[in-house]
Protein backbone atom coordinates (compact mmCIF):
# COMPACT_ATOMS: atom_id res chain seq x y z
CA MET A 1 44.73 -51.14 -40.34
CA GLU A 2 44.86 -54.41 -38.42
CA LEU A 3 45.48 -52.46 -35.21
CA LEU A 4 42.36 -50.36 -35.85
CA ILE A 5 40.23 -53.46 -36.42
CA LEU A 6 41.61 -55.03 -33.22
CA LEU A 7 40.74 -51.90 -31.21
CA GLN A 8 37.19 -51.88 -32.64
CA ASN A 9 36.68 -55.54 -31.71
CA THR A 10 37.99 -54.89 -28.21
CA ALA A 11 35.64 -51.93 -27.80
CA GLY A 12 32.70 -54.06 -29.01
CA LEU A 13 33.51 -56.76 -26.50
CA ASP A 14 33.71 -54.19 -23.71
CA THR A 15 30.32 -52.78 -24.73
CA ALA A 16 28.73 -56.25 -24.81
CA ALA A 17 30.23 -57.08 -21.44
CA ALA A 18 28.93 -53.83 -19.99
CA ALA A 19 25.46 -54.53 -21.37
CA ALA A 20 25.51 -58.05 -19.94
CA ASN A 21 26.54 -56.68 -16.54
CA THR A 22 23.72 -54.14 -16.69
CA ILE A 23 21.15 -56.84 -17.47
CA THR A 24 22.51 -58.97 -14.62
CA GLU A 25 22.26 -56.05 -12.19
CA ILE A 26 18.68 -55.38 -13.29
CA ALA A 27 17.78 -59.03 -12.77
CA ILE A 28 19.43 -59.06 -9.36
CA THR A 29 17.73 -55.85 -8.20
CA GLU A 30 14.30 -57.02 -9.39
CA GLU A 31 11.86 -56.75 -6.51
CA THR A 32 9.45 -59.45 -5.47
CA ILE A 33 5.89 -58.63 -4.40
CA SER A 34 4.81 -59.81 -0.98
CA ILE A 35 1.33 -61.00 -0.09
CA TRP A 36 0.79 -57.97 2.12
CA GLN A 37 1.74 -55.64 -0.73
CA LEU A 38 -0.75 -57.40 -3.00
CA ILE A 39 -3.44 -56.93 -0.37
CA GLN A 40 -2.62 -53.24 -0.11
CA ASP A 41 -2.67 -52.87 -3.89
CA GLY A 42 -6.12 -54.45 -3.99
CA GLY A 43 -7.65 -51.67 -1.89
CA TRP A 44 -8.96 -51.94 1.65
CA TYR A 45 -12.59 -51.44 0.60
CA ILE A 46 -12.43 -54.64 -1.50
CA MET A 47 -9.78 -56.75 0.23
CA GLY A 48 -11.31 -55.98 3.64
CA PRO A 49 -14.68 -57.61 2.88
CA LEU A 50 -12.90 -60.47 1.13
CA GLY A 51 -10.75 -61.01 4.21
CA ILE A 52 -13.84 -61.05 6.43
CA LEU A 53 -15.52 -63.59 4.12
CA SER A 54 -12.44 -65.81 4.22
CA ILE A 55 -12.43 -65.75 8.03
CA ILE A 56 -16.14 -66.57 8.16
CA ALA A 57 -15.71 -69.45 5.69
CA THR A 58 -12.74 -70.87 7.60
CA TYR A 59 -14.59 -70.71 10.92
CA ILE A 60 -17.73 -72.34 9.55
CA PHE A 61 -15.77 -75.12 7.85
CA ILE A 62 -13.73 -76.04 10.93
CA GLU A 63 -16.66 -75.75 13.34
CA ARG A 64 -19.04 -77.78 11.15
CA MET A 65 -16.40 -80.43 10.43
CA LEU A 66 -15.98 -80.99 14.15
CA ALA A 67 -19.74 -80.95 14.79
CA ILE A 68 -20.55 -83.35 11.95
CA GLY A 69 -17.68 -85.58 13.00
CA ARG A 70 -19.07 -85.80 16.53
CA ALA A 71 -22.56 -86.46 15.19
CA GLY A 72 -21.40 -89.38 13.09
CA ARG A 73 -19.42 -90.98 15.90
CA VAL A 74 -21.50 -93.86 17.30
CA GLU A 75 -20.32 -96.74 19.48
CA LYS A 76 -20.15 -100.03 17.63
CA ASP A 77 -22.27 -101.90 20.17
CA PHE A 78 -24.74 -99.06 20.78
CA MET A 79 -27.61 -100.59 18.84
CA ASN A 80 -26.85 -104.07 20.19
CA ARG A 81 -27.10 -102.79 23.75
CA ILE A 82 -30.33 -100.96 22.92
CA LYS A 83 -31.73 -104.17 21.45
CA ASP A 84 -30.79 -106.16 24.55
CA TYR A 85 -32.38 -103.60 26.88
CA ILE A 86 -35.60 -103.53 24.85
CA LEU A 87 -35.85 -107.32 24.66
CA ASP A 88 -35.28 -107.48 28.43
CA GLU A 89 -37.85 -104.67 28.88
CA LYS A 90 -35.27 -102.42 30.57
CA MET A 91 -36.53 -99.20 29.04
CA ASP A 92 -35.00 -96.94 31.70
CA SER A 93 -31.56 -98.40 31.05
CA ALA A 94 -32.01 -97.90 27.31
CA ILE A 95 -33.02 -94.26 27.80
CA ASP A 96 -30.06 -93.67 30.13
CA LEU A 97 -27.74 -95.11 27.49
CA CYS A 98 -29.15 -92.71 24.91
CA ARG A 99 -28.63 -89.77 27.25
CA GLN A 100 -25.05 -90.75 27.90
CA ALA A 101 -24.29 -91.12 24.19
CA ASP A 102 -25.68 -87.63 23.42
CA THR A 103 -25.56 -88.00 19.62
CA PRO A 104 -28.23 -87.44 16.95
CA VAL A 105 -28.70 -91.20 16.68
CA ALA A 106 -29.10 -91.50 20.43
CA HIS A 107 -31.61 -88.64 20.49
CA MET A 108 -33.70 -90.32 17.80
CA ILE A 109 -33.60 -93.73 19.46
CA GLY A 110 -34.33 -92.21 22.87
CA LYS A 111 -37.41 -90.51 21.47
CA GLY A 112 -38.52 -93.78 19.90
CA ILE A 113 -38.05 -95.66 23.18
CA SER A 114 -40.16 -93.10 25.03
CA LYS A 115 -42.99 -93.81 22.55
CA ILE A 116 -42.89 -97.61 22.92
CA GLY A 117 -46.42 -98.94 23.41
CA ARG A 118 -47.90 -96.75 20.73
CA PRO A 119 -48.46 -97.77 17.07
CA ILE A 120 -45.32 -98.21 14.98
CA LYS A 121 -46.40 -95.36 12.73
CA ASP A 122 -46.47 -92.93 15.64
CA ILE A 123 -43.05 -94.10 16.79
CA ASN A 124 -41.69 -93.74 13.27
CA ASP A 125 -43.11 -90.23 12.94
CA SER A 126 -41.56 -89.19 16.26
CA ILE A 127 -38.18 -90.53 15.20
CA GLU A 128 -38.39 -88.74 11.85
CA ASN A 129 -39.28 -85.43 13.51
CA VAL A 130 -36.31 -85.68 15.85
CA GLY A 131 -34.10 -86.65 12.91
CA LYS A 132 -35.18 -83.57 10.96
CA LEU A 133 -34.36 -81.35 13.93
CA GLU A 134 -30.93 -82.95 14.32
CA VAL A 135 -30.16 -82.55 10.61
CA SER A 136 -31.23 -78.91 10.68
CA LYS A 137 -28.81 -78.32 13.55
CA LEU A 138 -25.99 -79.94 11.58
CA GLU A 139 -26.83 -77.84 8.52
CA ARG A 140 -26.40 -74.61 10.46
CA GLY A 141 -23.85 -72.40 8.75
CA LEU A 142 -23.89 -74.22 5.41
CA PRO A 143 -26.09 -71.59 3.69
CA THR A 144 -23.65 -68.91 4.85
CA LEU A 145 -20.74 -70.89 3.45
CA ALA A 146 -22.56 -71.26 0.14
CA THR A 147 -23.17 -67.49 0.13
CA VAL A 148 -19.46 -66.85 0.63
CA ALA A 149 -18.68 -69.17 -2.28
CA GLY A 150 -20.93 -67.11 -4.53
CA ALA A 151 -20.32 -63.62 -3.14
CA ALA A 152 -16.50 -63.63 -2.97
CA PRO A 153 -15.93 -63.84 -6.75
CA MET A 154 -18.57 -61.14 -7.31
CA ILE A 155 -16.84 -58.81 -4.86
CA GLY A 156 -13.55 -59.57 -6.60
CA PHE A 157 -15.09 -58.66 -9.95
CA LEU A 158 -16.41 -55.45 -8.39
CA GLY A 159 -12.85 -54.56 -7.45
CA THR A 160 -11.81 -55.29 -11.03
CA VAL A 161 -14.42 -52.89 -12.39
CA ILE A 162 -13.43 -50.19 -9.88
CA GLY A 163 -9.76 -50.61 -10.77
CA MET A 164 -10.45 -50.31 -14.48
CA ILE A 165 -12.61 -47.22 -13.88
CA GLN A 166 -9.72 -45.63 -12.00
CA THR A 167 -7.40 -46.51 -14.87
CA PHE A 168 -9.62 -44.95 -17.53
CA HIS A 169 -10.22 -41.92 -15.33
CA GLN A 170 -6.46 -41.42 -15.05
CA MET A 171 -6.18 -41.64 -18.81
CA MET A 172 -8.96 -39.10 -19.25
CA ILE A 173 -7.53 -36.44 -16.92
CA SER A 174 -3.94 -36.78 -18.15
CA ALA A 175 -3.39 -33.93 -20.63
CA ASN A 176 0.27 -34.71 -21.37
CA GLY A 177 -0.20 -38.40 -22.05
CA VAL A 178 -0.31 -41.39 -19.78
CA GLU A 179 2.64 -43.43 -18.58
CA ILE A 180 2.59 -47.03 -17.40
CA ALA A 181 3.45 -45.98 -13.85
CA GLN A 182 0.30 -43.92 -13.66
CA LEU A 183 -1.91 -46.80 -14.78
CA SER A 184 -0.25 -49.60 -12.84
CA GLY A 185 -2.21 -48.93 -9.63
CA GLY A 186 -5.63 -49.39 -11.18
CA ILE A 187 -4.56 -52.37 -13.26
CA MET A 188 -2.92 -54.01 -10.23
CA GLN A 189 -6.07 -53.55 -8.16
CA ALA A 190 -8.19 -55.01 -10.97
CA MET A 191 -6.06 -58.15 -11.18
CA VAL A 192 -5.45 -58.67 -7.44
CA THR A 193 -9.11 -58.40 -6.41
CA THR A 194 -10.16 -60.83 -9.14
CA VAL A 195 -7.62 -63.42 -8.02
CA ALA A 196 -8.46 -62.96 -4.33
CA GLY A 197 -12.20 -63.27 -4.93
CA LEU A 198 -11.81 -66.38 -7.07
CA VAL A 199 -9.45 -68.08 -4.60
CA ILE A 200 -11.78 -67.45 -1.65
CA GLY A 201 -14.85 -68.47 -3.67
CA ILE A 202 -13.25 -71.69 -4.94
CA MET A 203 -12.05 -72.71 -1.48
CA ALA A 204 -15.45 -71.95 0.07
CA TYR A 205 -17.17 -73.98 -2.64
CA ILE A 206 -14.87 -76.96 -2.05
CA CYS A 207 -15.38 -76.72 1.72
CA TYR A 208 -19.15 -76.54 1.24
CA ASN A 209 -19.22 -79.70 -0.85
CA ILE A 210 -16.99 -81.53 1.63
CA LEU A 211 -19.40 -80.67 4.45
CA VAL A 212 -22.42 -81.69 2.37
CA ALA A 213 -20.81 -85.07 1.62
CA ARG A 214 -20.00 -85.64 5.30
CA LEU A 215 -23.52 -84.61 6.31
CA THR A 216 -25.02 -86.98 3.75
CA ASN A 217 -23.12 -89.87 5.33
CA VAL A 218 -24.45 -88.89 8.76
CA ILE A 219 -28.02 -88.71 7.43
CA ASN A 220 -27.65 -92.17 5.90
CA GLY A 221 -26.44 -93.46 9.26
CA LEU A 222 -29.45 -91.90 11.01
CA GLU A 223 -31.84 -93.57 8.59
CA ALA A 224 -30.12 -96.93 8.97
CA SER A 225 -30.26 -96.71 12.77
CA SER A 226 -33.95 -95.77 12.77
CA ILE A 227 -34.77 -98.73 10.52
CA GLU A 228 -32.77 -101.05 12.74
CA PHE A 229 -34.59 -99.72 15.82
CA LEU A 230 -38.01 -100.28 14.26
CA ASP A 231 -36.97 -103.82 13.38
CA VAL A 232 -36.04 -104.36 17.01
CA LEU A 233 -39.50 -103.27 18.09
CA ASP A 234 -41.03 -105.96 15.87
CA THR A 235 -38.91 -108.69 17.46
CA PRO A 236 -40.89 -109.19 20.72
CA ALA A 237 -44.13 -109.51 18.78
CA LYS A 238 -42.88 -112.49 16.84
């Protein structure tokens, strides 16, 4: 009797060990999903447009960051030199300095210098007009980036709807029942496209706000420089 019990315990241990080994093998052979596989699962007709939008957003962000950075880069003594030239009535030298600087601030100041001799209001209006043109140049591409931020999640949701339609269609045409393997493709597409659209939309939205903040700083600098220039024009009259 004791021998029988011992054999049963031994057999139970062997079964448990075999089960543990099986679970270990399953865990070891578990496959990981690559990014490329996720893109393929999402469907080319959804992931393709999302990929194009991501490229457009990346290009606009990098290009505008560089452009806005150049626009906000002004020499520390630029306005001091302009003031000295104006007080010494060296207008040609002041205009040459503005041409060499080739920045939005320099373009505004150069336009103002070319209008010296006219009423302050006319000079101020000329500076403001040039400033508006410079700001519009710096804003180029921002509406497109904002469109990407809004369109990418919507395209991702479209892929979700298409994936779920495929899933329900598969369920409808399956006469012998539906297995998980048959539904996984549609469900995978629904989830992948949603994630991709949200990621691209969120990143585009963050990039858009970063550019807007940088552009606001540049605009504030343009306004400060124009006010300083107009104050310089009042100096000789005192």
